[in-house]
Amino acid sequence: AVCRMCEREGRRHKDCGGILCTVSAENTMAKKSAHRLICIIVN
């Protein structure tokens, strides 16, 4: 529902591009994505 609302708002505000992703605790490979989320903590 948040994604749908953001898509509507994004059409209204052309410069409002961004990224929304989800992270699940469940280890499932049911959905494949061309994108990868890499988190790194550095000094």
PDB file of all heavy atoms in Angstrom:
ATOM      1  N   ALA A   1       0.832  -1.205   0.000  1.00  0.00           N
ATOM      2  CA  ALA A   1       0.000   0.000   0.000  1.00  0.00           C
ATOM      3  C   ALA A   1       0.867   1.256   0.000  1.00  0.00           C
ATOM      4  O   ALA A   1       0.568   2.233  -0.697  1.00  0.00           O
ATOM      5  CB  ALA A   1      -0.939  -0.007   1.207  1.00  0.00           C
ATOM      6  N   VAL A   2       1.959   1.236   0.762  1.00  0.00           N
ATOM      7  CA  VAL A   2       2.897   2.368   0.774  1.00  0.00           C
ATOM      8  C   VAL A   2       3.496   2.539  -0.622  1.00  0.00           C
ATOM      9  O   VAL A   2       3.596   3.657  -1.131  1.00  0.00           O
ATOM     10  CB  VAL A   2       4.013   2.157   1.823  1.00  0.00           C
ATOM     11  CG1 VAL A   2       5.140   3.162   1.638  1.00  0.00           C
ATOM     12  CG2 VAL A   2       3.444   2.249   3.228  1.00  0.00           C
ATOM     13  N   CYS A   3       3.875   1.444  -1.264  1.00  0.00           N
ATOM     14  CA  CYS A   3       4.439   1.513  -2.625  1.00  0.00           C
ATOM     15  C   CYS A   3       3.448   2.159  -3.588  1.00  0.00           C
ATOM     16  O   CYS A   3       3.831   3.026  -4.377  1.00  0.00           O
ATOM     17  CB  CYS A   3       4.812   0.121  -3.118  1.00  0.00           C
ATOM     18  SG  CYS A   3       6.269  -0.568  -2.346  1.00  0.00           S
ATOM     19  N   ARG A   4       2.176   1.749  -3.524  1.00  0.00           N
ATOM     20  CA  ARG A   4       1.161   2.328  -4.417  1.00  0.00           C
ATOM     21  C   ARG A   4       0.997   3.825  -4.157  1.00  0.00           C
ATOM     22  O   ARG A   4       0.923   4.625  -5.092  1.00  0.00           O
ATOM     23  CB  ARG A   4      -0.170   1.603  -4.261  1.00  0.00           C
ATOM     24  CG  ARG A   4      -0.183   0.219  -4.903  1.00  0.00           C
ATOM     25  CD  ARG A   4      -1.573  -0.360  -4.959  1.00  0.00           C
ATOM     26  NE  ARG A   4      -2.187  -0.511  -3.655  1.00  0.00           N
ATOM     27  CZ  ARG A   4      -2.024  -1.553  -2.845  1.00  0.00           C
ATOM     28  NH1 ARG A   4      -1.247  -2.549  -3.222  1.00  0.00           N
ATOM     29  NH2 ARG A   4      -2.645  -1.610  -1.681  1.00  0.00           N
ATOM     30  N   MET A   5       0.962   4.210  -2.871  1.00  0.00           N
ATOM     31  CA  MET A   5       0.822   5.623  -2.539  1.00  0.00           C
ATOM     32  C   MET A   5       2.033   6.416  -3.011  1.00  0.00           C
ATOM     33  O   MET A   5       1.902   7.525  -3.538  1.00  0.00           O
ATOM     34  CB  MET A   5       0.619   5.796  -1.025  1.00  0.00           C
ATOM     35  CG  MET A   5      -0.728   5.303  -0.548  1.00  0.00           C
ATOM     36  SD  MET A   5      -0.889   5.384   1.237  1.00  0.00           S
ATOM     37  CE  MET A   5      -1.256   7.111   1.458  1.00  0.00           C
ATOM     38  N   CYS A   6       3.219   5.837  -2.866  1.00  0.00           N
ATOM     39  CA  CYS A   6       4.446   6.525  -3.298  1.00  0.00           C
ATOM     40  C   CYS A   6       4.491   6.667  -4.814  1.00  0.00           C
ATOM     41  O   CYS A   6       4.955   7.683  -5.323  1.00  0.00           O
ATOM     42  CB  CYS A   6       5.664   5.781  -2.785  1.00  0.00           C
ATOM     43  SG  CYS A   6       5.858   5.934  -1.002  1.00  0.00           S
ATOM     44  N   GLU A   7       4.020   5.660  -5.531  1.00  0.00           N
ATOM     45  CA  GLU A   7       3.972   5.762  -6.987  1.00  0.00           C
ATOM     46  C   GLU A   7       3.055   6.906  -7.417  1.00  0.00           C
ATOM     47  O   GLU A   7       3.394   7.668  -8.326  1.00  0.00           O
ATOM     48  CB  GLU A   7       3.501   4.441  -7.600  1.00  0.00           C
ATOM     49  CG  GLU A   7       4.559   3.360  -7.575  1.00  0.00           C
ATOM     50  CD  GLU A   7       4.031   2.018  -8.026  1.00  0.00           C
ATOM     51  OE1 GLU A   7       2.874   1.929  -8.527  1.00  0.00           O
ATOM     52  OE2 GLU A   7       4.767   1.026  -7.879  1.00  0.00           O
ATOM     53  N   ARG A   8       1.894   7.030  -6.755  1.00  0.00           N
ATOM     54  CA  ARG A   8       0.979   8.140  -7.078  1.00  0.00           C
ATOM     55  C   ARG A   8       1.642   9.485  -6.804  1.00  0.00           C
ATOM     56  O   ARG A   8       1.586  10.402  -7.612  1.00  0.00           O
ATOM     57  CB  ARG A   8      -0.313   8.010  -6.275  1.00  0.00           C
ATOM     58  CG  ARG A   8      -1.247   6.942  -6.792  1.00  0.00           C
ATOM     59  CD  ARG A   8      -2.632   7.074  -6.197  1.00  0.00           C
ATOM     60  NE  ARG A   8      -2.656   7.000  -4.751  1.00  0.00           N
ATOM     61  CZ  ARG A   8      -2.820   5.881  -4.036  1.00  0.00           C
ATOM     62  NH1 ARG A   8      -2.937   4.729  -4.666  1.00  0.00           N
ATOM     63  NH2 ARG A   8      -2.842   5.908  -2.731  1.00  0.00           N
ATOM     64  N   GLU A   9       2.291   9.604  -5.641  1.00  0.00           N
ATOM     65  CA  GLU A   9       2.964  10.855  -5.293  1.00  0.00           C
ATOM     66  C   GLU A   9       4.129  11.131  -6.242  1.00  0.00           C
ATOM     67  O   GLU A   9       4.386  12.263  -6.603  1.00  0.00           O
ATOM     68  CB  GLU A   9       3.458  10.826  -3.847  1.00  0.00           C
ATOM     69  CG  GLU A   9       2.353  10.882  -2.807  1.00  0.00           C
ATOM     70  CD  GLU A   9       1.510  12.144  -2.894  1.00  0.00           C
ATOM     71  OE1 GLU A   9       2.035  13.222  -3.237  1.00  0.00           O
ATOM     72  OE2 GLU A   9       0.304  12.050  -2.604  1.00  0.00           O
ATOM     73  N   GLY A  10       4.837  10.080  -6.638  1.00  0.00           N
ATOM     74  CA  GLY A  10       5.955  10.233  -7.559  1.00  0.00           C
ATOM     75  C   GLY A  10       5.521  10.774  -8.911  1.00  0.00           C
ATOM     76  O   GLY A  10       6.243  11.532  -9.551  1.00  0.00           O
ATOM     77  N   ARG A  11       4.318  10.392  -9.352  1.00  0.00           N
ATOM     78  CA  ARG A  11       3.799  10.935 -10.612  1.00  0.00           C
ATOM     79  C   ARG A  11       3.455  12.416 -10.462  1.00  0.00           C
ATOM     80  O   ARG A  11       3.573  13.181 -11.404  1.00  0.00           O
ATOM     81  CB  ARG A  11       2.581  10.137 -11.074  1.00  0.00           C
ATOM     82  CG  ARG A  11       2.953   8.769 -11.638  1.00  0.00           C
ATOM     83  CD  ARG A  11       1.786   8.101 -12.333  1.00  0.00           C
ATOM     84  NE  ARG A  11       0.691   7.740 -11.442  1.00  0.00           N
ATOM     85  CZ  ARG A  11       0.608   6.598 -10.765  1.00  0.00           C
ATOM     86  NH1 ARG A  11       1.579   5.708 -10.880  1.00  0.00           N
ATOM     87  NH2 ARG A  11      -0.405   6.344  -9.989  1.00  0.00           N
ATOM     88  N   ARG A  12       3.034  12.821  -9.265  1.00  0.00           N
ATOM     89  CA  ARG A  12       2.695  14.227  -9.017  1.00  0.00           C
ATOM     90  C   ARG A  12       3.937  15.094  -8.878  1.00  0.00           C
ATOM     91  O   ARG A  12       3.924  16.262  -9.214  1.00  0.00           O
ATOM     92  CB  ARG A  12       1.851  14.343  -7.738  1.00  0.00           C
ATOM     93  CG  ARG A  12       0.447  13.802  -7.916  1.00  0.00           C
ATOM     94  CD  ARG A  12      -0.386  13.912  -6.656  1.00  0.00           C
ATOM     95  NE  ARG A  12      -0.393  15.255  -6.134  1.00  0.00           N
ATOM     96  CZ  ARG A  12      -0.383  15.542  -4.832  1.00  0.00           C
ATOM     97  NH1 ARG A  12      -0.371  14.588  -3.939  1.00  0.00           N
ATOM     98  NH2 ARG A  12      -0.397  16.782  -4.426  1.00  0.00           N
ATOM     99  N   HIS A  13       5.021  14.538  -8.332  1.00  0.00           N
ATOM    100  CA  HIS A  13       6.264  15.267  -8.086  1.00  0.00           C
ATOM    101  C   HIS A  13       7.369  14.586  -8.902  1.00  0.00           C
ATOM    102  O   HIS A  13       7.992  13.642  -8.443  1.00  0.00           O
ATOM    103  CB  HIS A  13       6.626  15.234  -6.592  1.00  0.00           C
ATOM    104  CG  HIS A  13       5.539  15.743  -5.712  1.00  0.00           C
ATOM    105  ND1 HIS A  13       5.326  17.075  -5.500  1.00  0.00           N
ATOM    106  CD2 HIS A  13       4.586  15.092  -4.991  1.00  0.00           C
ATOM    107  CE1 HIS A  13       4.301  17.240  -4.679  1.00  0.00           C
ATOM    108  NE2 HIS A  13       3.839  16.042  -4.364  1.00  0.00           N
ATOM    109  N   LYS A  14       7.612  15.077 -10.086  1.00  0.00           N
ATOM    110  CA  LYS A  14       8.521  14.411 -11.032  1.00  0.00           C
ATOM    111  C   LYS A  14       9.944  14.239 -10.516  1.00  0.00           C
ATOM    112  O   LYS A  14      10.649  13.329 -10.928  1.00  0.00           O
ATOM    113  CB  LYS A  14       8.541  15.170 -12.365  1.00  0.00           C
ATOM    114  CG  LYS A  14       7.191  15.203 -13.059  1.00  0.00           C
ATOM    115  CD  LYS A  14       6.734  13.824 -13.426  1.00  0.00           C
ATOM    116  CE  LYS A  14       5.393  13.893 -14.143  1.00  0.00           C
ATOM    117  NZ  LYS A  14       4.738  12.632 -14.248  1.00  0.00           N
ATOM    118  N   ASP A  15      10.388  15.095  -9.605  1.00  0.00           N
ATOM    119  CA  ASP A  15      11.759  14.989  -9.088  1.00  0.00           C
ATOM    120  C   ASP A  15      11.837  14.154  -7.818  1.00  0.00           C
ATOM    121  O   ASP A  15      12.844  14.128  -7.142  1.00  0.00           O
ATOM    122  CB  ASP A  15      12.356  16.374  -8.841  1.00  0.00           C
ATOM    123  CG  ASP A  15      11.597  17.153  -7.775  1.00  0.00           C
ATOM    124  OD1 ASP A  15      10.413  16.836  -7.536  1.00  0.00           O
ATOM    125  OD2 ASP A  15      12.187  18.071  -7.199  1.00  0.00           O
ATOM    126  N   CYS A  16      10.772  13.445  -7.508  1.00  0.00           N
ATOM    127  CA  CYS A  16      10.715  12.664  -6.262  1.00  0.00           C
ATOM    128  C   CYS A  16      11.039  11.199  -6.538  1.00  0.00           C
ATOM    129  O   CYS A  16      10.273  10.312  -6.230  1.00  0.00           O
ATOM    130  CB  CYS A  16       9.337  12.799  -5.612  1.00  0.00           C
ATOM    131  SG  CYS A  16       9.250  12.027  -3.985  1.00  0.00           S
ATOM    132  N   GLY A  17      12.193  10.940  -7.129  1.00  0.00           N
ATOM    133  CA  GLY A  17      12.613   9.568  -7.369  1.00  0.00           C
ATOM    134  C   GLY A  17      13.320   9.008  -6.146  1.00  0.00           C
ATOM    135  O   GLY A  17      13.894   9.754  -5.361  1.00  0.00           O
ATOM    136  N   GLY A  18      13.241   7.737  -5.961  1.00  0.00           N
ATOM    137  CA  GLY A  18      13.919   7.116  -4.833  1.00  0.00           C
ATOM    138  C   GLY A  18      13.917   5.614  -4.964  1.00  0.00           C
ATOM    139  O   GLY A  18      13.578   5.071  -6.013  1.00  0.00           O
ATOM    140  N   ILE A  19      14.273   4.965  -3.889  1.00  0.00           N
ATOM    141  CA  ILE A  19      14.360   3.503  -3.856  1.00  0.00           C
ATOM    142  C   ILE A  19      13.599   3.018  -2.638  1.00  0.00           C
ATOM    143  O   ILE A  19      13.722   3.588  -1.550  1.00  0.00           O
ATOM    144  CB  ILE A  19      15.831   3.053  -3.748  1.00  0.00           C
ATOM    145  CG1 ILE A  19      16.621   3.525  -4.960  1.00  0.00           C
ATOM    146  CG2 ILE A  19      15.926   1.546  -3.575  1.00  0.00           C
ATOM    147  CD1 ILE A  19      18.118   3.391  -4.805  1.00  0.00           C
ATOM    148  N   LEU A  20      12.813   1.970  -2.808  1.00  0.00           N
ATOM    149  CA  LEU A  20      12.136   1.327  -1.686  1.00  0.00           C
ATOM    150  C   LEU A  20      12.382  -0.164  -1.819  1.00  0.00           C
ATOM    151  O   LEU A  20      12.110  -0.752  -2.856  1.00  0.00           O
ATOM    152  CB  LEU A  20      10.633   1.625  -1.693  1.00  0.00           C
ATOM    153  CG  LEU A  20       9.796   0.955  -0.601  1.00  0.00           C
ATOM    154  CD1 LEU A  20      10.183   1.498   0.771  1.00  0.00           C
ATOM    155  CD2 LEU A  20       8.316   1.176  -0.834  1.00  0.00           C
ATOM    156  N   CYS A  21      12.966  -0.771  -0.779  1.00  0.00           N
ATOM    157  CA  CYS A  21      13.207  -2.206  -0.818  1.00  0.00           C
ATOM    158  C   CYS A  21      12.779  -2.810   0.512  1.00  0.00           C
ATOM    159  O   CYS A  21      12.602  -2.107   1.500  1.00  0.00           O
ATOM    160  CB  CYS A  21      14.669  -2.510  -1.106  1.00  0.00           C
ATOM    161  SG  CYS A  21      15.793  -2.005   0.209  1.00  0.00           S
ATOM    162  N   THR A  22      12.591  -4.115   0.508  1.00  0.00           N
ATOM    163  CA  THR A  22      12.244  -4.819   1.735  1.00  0.00           C
ATOM    164  C   THR A  22      13.275  -5.894   2.022  1.00  0.00           C
ATOM    165  O   THR A  22      13.895  -6.444   1.105  1.00  0.00           O
ATOM    166  CB  THR A  22      10.844  -5.473   1.649  1.00  0.00           C
ATOM    167  OG1 THR A  22      10.823  -6.384   0.550  1.00  0.00           O
ATOM    168  CG2 THR A  22       9.764  -4.431   1.475  1.00  0.00           C
ATOM    169  N   VAL A  23      13.440  -6.166   3.286  1.00  0.00           N
ATOM    170  CA  VAL A  23      14.359  -7.207   3.734  1.00  0.00           C
ATOM    171  C   VAL A  23      13.560  -8.150   4.619  1.00  0.00           C
ATOM    172  O   VAL A  23      12.898  -7.719   5.567  1.00  0.00           O
ATOM    173  CB  VAL A  23      15.540  -6.601   4.534  1.00  0.00           C
ATOM    174  CG1 VAL A  23      16.474  -7.692   5.012  1.00  0.00           C
ATOM    175  CG2 VAL A  23      16.277  -5.569   3.696  1.00  0.00           C
ATOM    176  N   SER A  24      13.597  -9.420   4.301  1.00  0.00           N
ATOM    177  CA  SER A  24      12.849 -10.416   5.047  1.00  0.00           C
ATOM    178  C   SER A  24      13.795 -11.255   5.892  1.00  0.00           C
ATOM    179  O   SER A  24      14.922 -11.526   5.483  1.00  0.00           O
ATOM    180  CB  SER A  24      12.084 -11.327   4.085  1.00  0.00           C
ATOM    181  OG  SER A  24      11.438 -12.355   4.794  1.00  0.00           O
ATOM    182  N   ALA A  25      13.327 -11.665   7.053  1.00  0.00           N
ATOM    183  CA  ALA A  25      14.120 -12.552   7.900  1.00  0.00           C
ATOM    184  C   ALA A  25      14.073 -13.973   7.361  1.00  0.00           C
ATOM    185  O   ALA A  25      14.920 -14.797   7.667  1.00  0.00           O
ATOM    186  CB  ALA A  25      13.610 -12.511   9.331  1.00  0.00           C
ATOM    187  N   GLU A  26      13.070 -14.257   6.532  1.00  0.00           N
ATOM    188  CA  GLU A  26      12.899 -15.583   5.963  1.00  0.00           C
ATOM    189  C   GLU A  26      13.839 -15.770   4.783  1.00  0.00           C
ATOM    190  O   GLU A  26      13.965 -14.889   3.931  1.00  0.00           O
ATOM    191  CB  GLU A  26      11.450 -15.732   5.497  1.00  0.00           C
ATOM    192  CG  GLU A  26      11.116 -17.099   4.969  1.00  0.00           C
ATOM    193  CD  GLU A  26       9.663 -17.168   4.569  1.00  0.00           C
ATOM    194  OE1 GLU A  26       8.817 -16.838   5.401  1.00  0.00           O
ATOM    195  OE2 GLU A  26       9.395 -17.542   3.414  1.00  0.00           O
ATOM    196  N   ASN A  27      14.512 -16.882   4.711  1.00  0.00           N
ATOM    197  CA  ASN A  27      15.447 -17.158   3.615  1.00  0.00           C
ATOM    198  C   ASN A  27      14.675 -17.807   2.473  1.00  0.00           C
ATOM    199  O   ASN A  27      14.491 -19.009   2.447  1.00  0.00           O
ATOM    200  CB  ASN A  27      16.577 -18.067   4.095  1.00  0.00           C
ATOM    201  CG  ASN A  27      17.628 -18.240   3.028  1.00  0.00           C
ATOM    202  OD1 ASN A  27      17.621 -17.559   2.017  1.00  0.00           O
ATOM    203  ND2 ASN A  27      18.535 -19.171   3.261  1.00  0.00           N
ATOM    204  N   THR A  28      14.215 -16.987   1.527  1.00  0.00           N
ATOM    205  CA  THR A  28      13.461 -17.515   0.398  1.00  0.00           C
ATOM    206  C   THR A  28      14.032 -16.968  -0.899  1.00  0.00           C
ATOM    207  O   THR A  28      14.419 -15.814  -0.977  1.00  0.00           O
ATOM    208  CB  THR A  28      11.958 -17.179   0.516  1.00  0.00           C
ATOM    209  OG1 THR A  28      11.309 -17.666  -0.658  1.00  0.00           O
ATOM    210  CG2 THR A  28      11.719 -15.696   0.647  1.00  0.00           C
ATOM    211  N   MET A  29      14.070 -17.781  -1.903  1.00  0.00           N
ATOM    212  CA  MET A  29      14.562 -17.366  -3.206  1.00  0.00           C
ATOM    213  C   MET A  29      13.423 -17.345  -4.219  1.00  0.00           C
ATOM    214  O   MET A  29      13.633 -17.445  -5.408  1.00  0.00           O
ATOM    215  CB  MET A  29      15.678 -18.314  -3.674  1.00  0.00           C
ATOM    216  CG  MET A  29      16.906 -18.305  -2.778  1.00  0.00           C
ATOM    217  SD  MET A  29      17.674 -16.687  -2.655  1.00  0.00           S
ATOM    218  CE  MET A  29      18.502 -16.586  -4.203  1.00  0.00           C
ATOM    219  N   ALA A  30      12.170 -17.236  -3.746  1.00  0.00           N
ATOM    220  CA  ALA A  30      11.011 -17.272  -4.628  1.00  0.00           C
ATOM    221  C   ALA A  30      11.024 -16.117  -5.621  1.00  0.00           C
ATOM    222  O   ALA A  30      10.668 -16.288  -6.779  1.00  0.00           O
ATOM    223  CB  ALA A  30       9.729 -17.255  -3.806  1.00  0.00           C
ATOM    224  N   LYS A  31      11.401 -14.949  -5.185  1.00  0.00           N
ATOM    225  CA  LYS A  31      11.436 -13.787  -6.070  1.00  0.00           C
ATOM    226  C   LYS A  31      12.890 -13.443  -6.374  1.00  0.00           C
ATOM    227  O   LYS A  31      13.695 -13.298  -5.484  1.00  0.00           O
ATOM    228  CB  LYS A  31      10.752 -12.586  -5.419  1.00  0.00           C
ATOM    229  CG  LYS A  31       9.264 -12.727  -5.304  1.00  0.00           C
ATOM    230  CD  LYS A  31       8.668 -11.448  -4.752  1.00  0.00           C
ATOM    231  CE  LYS A  31       7.177 -11.564  -4.618  1.00  0.00           C
ATOM    232  NZ  LYS A  31       6.579 -10.355  -4.062  1.00  0.00           N
ATOM    233  N   LYS A  32      13.177 -13.296  -7.635  1.00  0.00           N
ATOM    234  CA  LYS A  32      14.522 -12.899  -8.059  1.00  0.00           C
ATOM    235  C   LYS A  32      14.482 -11.433  -8.444  1.00  0.00           C
ATOM    236  O   LYS A  32      13.496 -10.944  -8.958  1.00  0.00           O
ATOM    237  CB  LYS A  32      14.976 -13.741  -9.236  1.00  0.00           C
ATOM    238  CG  LYS A  32      15.072 -15.214  -8.912  1.00  0.00           C
ATOM    239  CD  LYS A  32      16.464 -15.657  -9.018  1.00  0.00           C
ATOM    240  CE  LYS A  32      16.521 -17.133  -8.662  1.00  0.00           C
ATOM    241  NZ  LYS A  32      17.811 -17.565  -8.418  1.00  0.00           N
ATOM    242  N   SER A  33      15.554 -10.737  -8.210  1.00  0.00           N
ATOM    243  CA  SER A  33      15.659  -9.326  -8.555  1.00  0.00           C
ATOM    244  C   SER A  33      16.984  -9.080  -9.251  1.00  0.00           C
ATOM    245  O   SER A  33      17.982  -9.739  -8.961  1.00  0.00           O
ATOM    246  CB  SER A  33      15.573  -8.466  -7.296  1.00  0.00           C
ATOM    247  OG  SER A  33      15.826  -7.119  -7.602  1.00  0.00           O
ATOM    248  N   ALA A  34      16.967  -8.122 -10.152  1.00  0.00           N
ATOM    249  CA  ALA A  34      18.210  -7.745 -10.835  1.00  0.00           C
ATOM    250  C   ALA A  34      19.068  -6.868  -9.936  1.00  0.00           C
ATOM    251  O   ALA A  34      20.213  -6.590 -10.260  1.00  0.00           O
ATOM    252  CB  ALA A  34      17.876  -7.002 -12.125  1.00  0.00           C
ATOM    253  N   HIS A  35      18.529  -6.442  -8.810  1.00  0.00           N
ATOM    254  CA  HIS A  35      19.242  -5.538  -7.907  1.00  0.00           C
ATOM    255  C   HIS A  35      19.715  -6.274  -6.660  1.00  0.00           C
ATOM    256  O   HIS A  35      19.107  -7.236  -6.232  1.00  0.00           O
ATOM    257  CB  HIS A  35      18.339  -4.375  -7.497  1.00  0.00           C
ATOM    258  CG  HIS A  35      17.771  -3.649  -8.669  1.00  0.00           C
ATOM    259  ND1 HIS A  35      18.521  -2.827  -9.471  1.00  0.00           N
ATOM    260  CD2 HIS A  35      16.527  -3.652  -9.195  1.00  0.00           C
ATOM    261  CE1 HIS A  35      17.767  -2.342 -10.430  1.00  0.00           C
ATOM    262  NE2 HIS A  35      16.542  -2.832 -10.289  1.00  0.00           N
ATOM    263  N   ARG A  36      20.780  -5.769  -6.075  1.00  0.00           N
ATOM    264  CA  ARG A  36      21.321  -6.330  -4.841  1.00  0.00           C
ATOM    265  C   ARG A  36      21.496  -5.205  -3.842  1.00  0.00           C
ATOM    266  O   ARG A  36      21.910  -4.101  -4.191  1.00  0.00           O
ATOM    267  CB  ARG A  36      22.685  -6.979  -5.082  1.00  0.00           C
ATOM    268  CG  ARG A  36      22.647  -8.132  -6.040  1.00  0.00           C
ATOM    269  CD  ARG A  36      22.062  -9.372  -5.359  1.00  0.00           C
ATOM    270  NE  ARG A  36      22.105 -10.506  -6.239  1.00  0.00           N
ATOM    271  CZ  ARG A  36      21.028 -11.066  -6.757  1.00  0.00           C
ATOM    272  NH1 ARG A  36      19.841 -10.599  -6.497  1.00  0.00           N
ATOM    273  NH2 ARG A  36      21.128 -12.103  -7.550  1.00  0.00           N
ATOM    274  N   LEU A  37      21.180  -5.484  -2.599  1.00  0.00           N
ATOM    275  CA  LEU A  37      21.386  -4.536  -1.507  1.00  0.00           C
ATOM    276  C   LEU A  37      22.639  -4.958  -0.774  1.00  0.00           C
ATOM    277  O   LEU A  37      22.732  -6.088  -0.279  1.00  0.00           O
ATOM    278  CB  LEU A  37      20.189  -4.527  -0.549  1.00  0.00           C
ATOM    279  CG  LEU A  37      20.361  -3.723   0.734  1.00  0.00           C
ATOM    280  CD1 LEU A  37      20.485  -2.238   0.405  1.00  0.00           C
ATOM    281  CD2 LEU A  37      19.186  -3.956   1.663  1.00  0.00           C
ATOM    282  N   ILE A  38      23.620  -4.086  -0.737  1.00  0.00           N
ATOM    283  CA  ILE A  38      24.867  -4.354  -0.031  1.00  0.00           C
ATOM    284  C   ILE A  38      25.019  -3.283   1.043  1.00  0.00           C
ATOM    285  O   ILE A  38      25.007  -2.090   0.730  1.00  0.00           O
ATOM    286  CB  ILE A  38      26.080  -4.334  -0.977  1.00  0.00           C
ATOM    287  CG1 ILE A  38      25.911  -5.388  -2.081  1.00  0.00           C
ATOM    288  CG2 ILE A  38      27.375  -4.550  -0.199  1.00  0.00           C
ATOM    289  CD1 ILE A  38      26.959  -5.299  -3.171  1.00  0.00           C
ATOM    290  N   CYS A  39      25.126  -3.690   2.283  1.00  0.00           N
ATOM    291  CA  CYS A  39      25.310  -2.753   3.396  1.00  0.00           C
ATOM    292  C   CYS A  39      26.706  -2.952   3.968  1.00  0.00           C
ATOM    293  O   CYS A  39      27.100  -4.080   4.267  1.00  0.00           O
ATOM    294  CB  CYS A  39      24.277  -3.000   4.489  1.00  0.00           C
ATOM    295  SG  CYS A  39      22.587  -2.760   3.939  1.00  0.00           S
ATOM    296  N   ILE A  40      27.429  -1.864   4.091  1.00  0.00           N
ATOM    297  CA  ILE A  40      28.795  -1.913   4.607  1.00  0.00           C
ATOM    298  C   ILE A  40      28.936  -0.863   5.694  1.00  0.00           C
ATOM    299  O   ILE A  40      28.517   0.278   5.515  1.00  0.00           O
ATOM    300  CB  ILE A  40      29.825  -1.646   3.487  1.00  0.00           C
ATOM    301  CG1 ILE A  40      29.672  -2.683   2.370  1.00  0.00           C
ATOM    302  CG2 ILE A  40      31.237  -1.631   4.027  1.00  0.00           C
ATOM    303  CD1 ILE A  40      30.499  -2.376   1.144  1.00  0.00           C
ATOM    304  N   ILE A  41      29.534  -1.228   6.789  1.00  0.00           N
ATOM    305  CA  ILE A  41      29.808  -0.278   7.868  1.00  0.00           C
ATOM    306  C   ILE A  41      31.307  -0.020   7.882  1.00  0.00           C
ATOM    307  O   ILE A  41      32.106  -0.957   7.971  1.00  0.00           O
ATOM    308  CB  ILE A  41      29.344  -0.833   9.227  1.00  0.00           C
ATOM    309  CG1 ILE A  41      27.835  -1.082   9.197  1.00  0.00           C
ATOM    310  CG2 ILE A  41      29.730   0.131  10.351  1.00  0.00           C
ATOM    311  CD1 ILE A  41      27.298  -1.809  10.407  1.00  0.00           C
ATOM    312  N   VAL A  42      31.669   1.261   7.743  1.00  0.00           N
ATOM    313  CA  VAL A  42      33.083   1.640   7.722  1.00  0.00           C
ATOM    314  C   VAL A  42      33.307   2.830   8.643  1.00  0.00           C
ATOM    315  O   VAL A  42      32.368   3.526   9.019  1.00  0.00           O
ATOM    316  CB  VAL A  42      33.570   1.986   6.295  1.00  0.00           C
ATOM    317  CG1 VAL A  42      33.465   0.780   5.380  1.00  0.00           C
ATOM    318  CG2 VAL A  42      32.825   3.159   5.715  1.00  0.00           C
ATOM    319  N   ASN A  43      34.547   3.048   8.990  1.00  0.00           N
ATOM    320  CA  ASN A  43      34.888   4.218   9.798  1.00  0.00           C
ATOM    321  C   ASN A  43      34.573   5.490   9.024  1.00  0.00           C
ATOM    322  O   ASN A  43      34.628   5.512   7.783  1.00  0.00           O
ATOM    323  CB  ASN A  43      36.367   4.204  10.180  1.00  0.00           C
ATOM    324  CG  ASN A  43      36.683   3.120  11.186  1.00  0.00           C
ATOM    325  OD1 ASN A  43      35.816   2.705  11.943  1.00  0.00           O
ATOM    326  ND2 ASN A  43      37.924   2.666  11.181  1.00  0.00           N
TER     327      ASN A  43
END
